[in-house]
Amino acid sequence: MANGSEVDEVDAISTVALLIDDLSSEDPNAKMHSIQRLSQIANLLGPERCVEELIPMLTELIDKIDCNPELMMTLAEQLGNLTEHLGASAAEKAENCAFLLRPLEIISGSDDSVVQNKALASLKKITEVLSD
């Protein structure tokens, strides 16, 4: 019989799988739901998998949502919030945060000024981590 921590781990893995699937969904509400929970996904995946899997997936997602300013704005904001989940040490966090620069650079090229401002605010968060 599974103990409580094994059940919690299975629930966490199922949650992450569902949220990641929703990022690929055609439904903008499902995408929004997952984008708003990127910190939860990152926390469960850990720094290494975020850099190797999550951030590249999010970078590809930009092309699919660039016609939706609300999704782009939320993604830009959430990318800045990922800094807290990209490493335990300052050096690891800084190294991994550098991987957030490319998707935010793409988003900052948006025609929507609100989206641009969110991307710039997230870039500012990242530069603070990089300068520590």
Protein backbone atom coordinates (compact mmCIF):
# COMPACT_ATOMS: atom_id res chain seq x y z
CA MET A 1 0.00 0.00 0.00
CA ALA A 2 1.34 3.47 -0.93
CA ASN A 3 2.16 5.85 1.87
CA GLY A 4 1.04 9.47 1.97
CA SER A 5 4.22 10.96 0.46
CA GLU A 6 4.08 8.56 -2.52
CA VAL A 7 0.46 9.54 -3.15
CA ASP A 8 1.38 13.24 -2.90
CA GLU A 9 4.23 12.71 -5.37
CA VAL A 10 1.94 10.94 -7.84
CA ASP A 11 -0.60 13.75 -7.48
CA ALA A 12 2.13 16.34 -8.10
CA ILE A 13 3.38 14.51 -11.19
CA SER A 14 -0.18 14.20 -12.51
CA THR A 15 -0.78 17.89 -11.89
CA VAL A 16 2.38 18.89 -13.75
CA ALA A 17 1.55 16.58 -16.66
CA LEU A 18 -1.94 18.07 -16.93
CA LEU A 19 -0.66 21.65 -16.74
CA ILE A 20 2.00 20.95 -19.38
CA ASP A 21 -0.61 19.33 -21.63
CA ASP A 22 -2.77 22.43 -21.24
CA LEU A 23 0.09 24.57 -22.57
CA SER A 24 -0.33 22.70 -25.87
CA SER A 25 -4.12 22.97 -25.84
CA GLU A 26 -6.01 24.90 -28.47
CA ASP A 27 -8.18 26.34 -25.69
CA PRO A 28 -6.84 29.77 -24.63
CA ASN A 29 -8.42 29.36 -21.18
CA ALA A 30 -6.51 26.12 -20.61
CA LYS A 31 -3.31 27.80 -21.77
CA MET A 32 -3.94 30.73 -19.43
CA HIS A 33 -4.59 28.37 -16.53
CA SER A 34 -1.24 26.66 -17.08
CA ILE A 35 0.71 29.86 -17.71
CA GLN A 36 -0.59 31.27 -14.44
CA ARG A 37 0.78 28.18 -12.68
CA LEU A 38 4.27 28.18 -14.19
CA SER A 39 5.82 28.72 -10.76
CA GLN A 40 4.07 25.60 -9.49
CA ILE A 41 5.24 23.63 -12.52
CA ALA A 42 8.81 24.93 -12.13
CA ASN A 43 8.85 24.12 -8.44
CA LEU A 44 7.80 20.53 -9.11
CA LEU A 45 10.16 20.05 -12.07
CA GLY A 46 13.24 21.49 -10.39
CA PRO A 47 15.87 23.79 -11.89
CA GLU A 48 17.49 21.32 -14.29
CA ARG A 49 14.27 20.21 -15.97
CA CYS A 50 13.07 23.82 -16.15
CA VAL A 51 16.14 24.78 -18.14
CA GLU A 52 16.18 21.66 -20.31
CA GLU A 53 12.46 21.17 -20.89
CA LEU A 54 10.12 23.89 -19.61
CA ILE A 55 11.84 27.03 -20.88
CA PRO A 56 12.36 25.63 -24.42
CA MET A 57 8.68 24.58 -24.46
CA LEU A 58 7.63 28.07 -23.39
CA THR A 59 9.85 29.63 -26.04
CA GLU A 60 8.08 27.54 -28.69
CA LEU A 61 4.72 28.48 -27.19
CA ILE A 62 5.33 32.17 -27.95
CA ASP A 63 4.80 31.59 -31.69
CA LYS A 64 1.46 29.94 -30.97
CA ILE A 65 0.11 32.66 -28.68
CA ASP A 66 1.60 35.84 -30.17
CA CYS A 67 -1.83 36.81 -31.50
CA ASN A 68 -3.24 36.81 -27.96
CA PRO A 69 -1.92 39.80 -25.95
CA GLU A 70 -3.43 38.57 -22.69
CA LEU A 71 -1.60 35.23 -22.91
CA MET A 72 1.63 36.97 -23.97
CA MET A 73 1.38 39.46 -21.11
CA THR A 74 0.78 36.72 -18.56
CA LEU A 75 3.61 34.59 -19.95
CA ALA A 76 6.00 37.55 -19.80
CA GLU A 77 5.08 38.18 -16.18
CA GLN A 78 5.34 34.52 -15.18
CA LEU A 79 8.74 34.09 -16.84
CA GLY A 80 10.05 36.77 -14.50
CA ASN A 81 8.61 34.89 -11.54
CA LEU A 82 10.51 31.73 -12.49
CA THR A 83 13.76 33.19 -11.15
CA GLU A 84 12.88 31.88 -7.70
CA HIS A 85 12.69 28.30 -8.95
CA LEU A 86 15.87 28.08 -10.99
CA GLY A 87 18.42 27.18 -8.38
CA ALA A 88 19.35 27.00 -4.72
CA SER A 89 22.62 28.94 -4.87
CA ALA A 90 23.02 32.44 -6.28
CA ALA A 91 25.46 31.13 -8.90
CA GLU A 92 23.11 28.34 -10.06
CA LYS A 93 20.15 30.71 -10.13
CA ALA A 94 22.09 33.28 -12.17
CA GLU A 95 23.32 30.67 -14.63
CA ASN A 96 19.82 29.26 -15.13
CA CYS A 97 18.09 32.65 -15.28
CA ALA A 98 20.13 33.45 -18.36
CA PHE A 99 17.96 30.90 -20.20
CA LEU A 100 14.93 33.16 -19.61
CA LEU A 101 16.47 35.96 -21.65
CA ARG A 102 15.64 34.50 -25.09
CA PRO A 103 11.89 34.02 -24.59
CA LEU A 104 11.60 37.44 -22.98
CA GLU A 105 13.57 38.99 -25.83
CA ILE A 106 11.07 37.49 -28.27
CA ILE A 107 8.09 38.71 -26.23
CA SER A 108 9.56 42.21 -25.88
CA GLY A 109 9.37 42.46 -29.69
CA SER A 110 5.57 42.34 -29.50
CA ASP A 111 3.55 45.12 -31.12
CA ASP A 112 1.52 45.49 -27.90
CA SER A 113 3.07 48.02 -25.50
CA VAL A 114 1.52 46.38 -22.42
CA VAL A 115 3.10 43.05 -23.40
CA GLN A 116 6.42 44.83 -23.99
CA ASN A 117 6.24 46.46 -20.55
CA LYS A 118 5.58 43.12 -18.83
CA ALA A 119 8.54 41.57 -20.67
CA LEU A 120 10.77 44.48 -19.67
CA ALA A 121 9.68 44.19 -16.03
CA SER A 122 10.59 40.49 -16.08
CA LEU A 123 13.91 41.24 -17.76
CA LYS A 124 14.62 43.69 -14.95
CA LYS A 125 13.99 40.92 -12.37
CA ILE A 126 16.41 38.67 -14.22
CA THR A 127 19.12 41.32 -14.45
CA GLU A 128 18.85 41.79 -10.69
CA VAL A 129 19.51 38.06 -10.22
CA LEU A 130 22.35 38.13 -12.74
CA SER A 131 24.01 41.09 -11.02
CA ASP A 132 23.95 39.50 -7.53
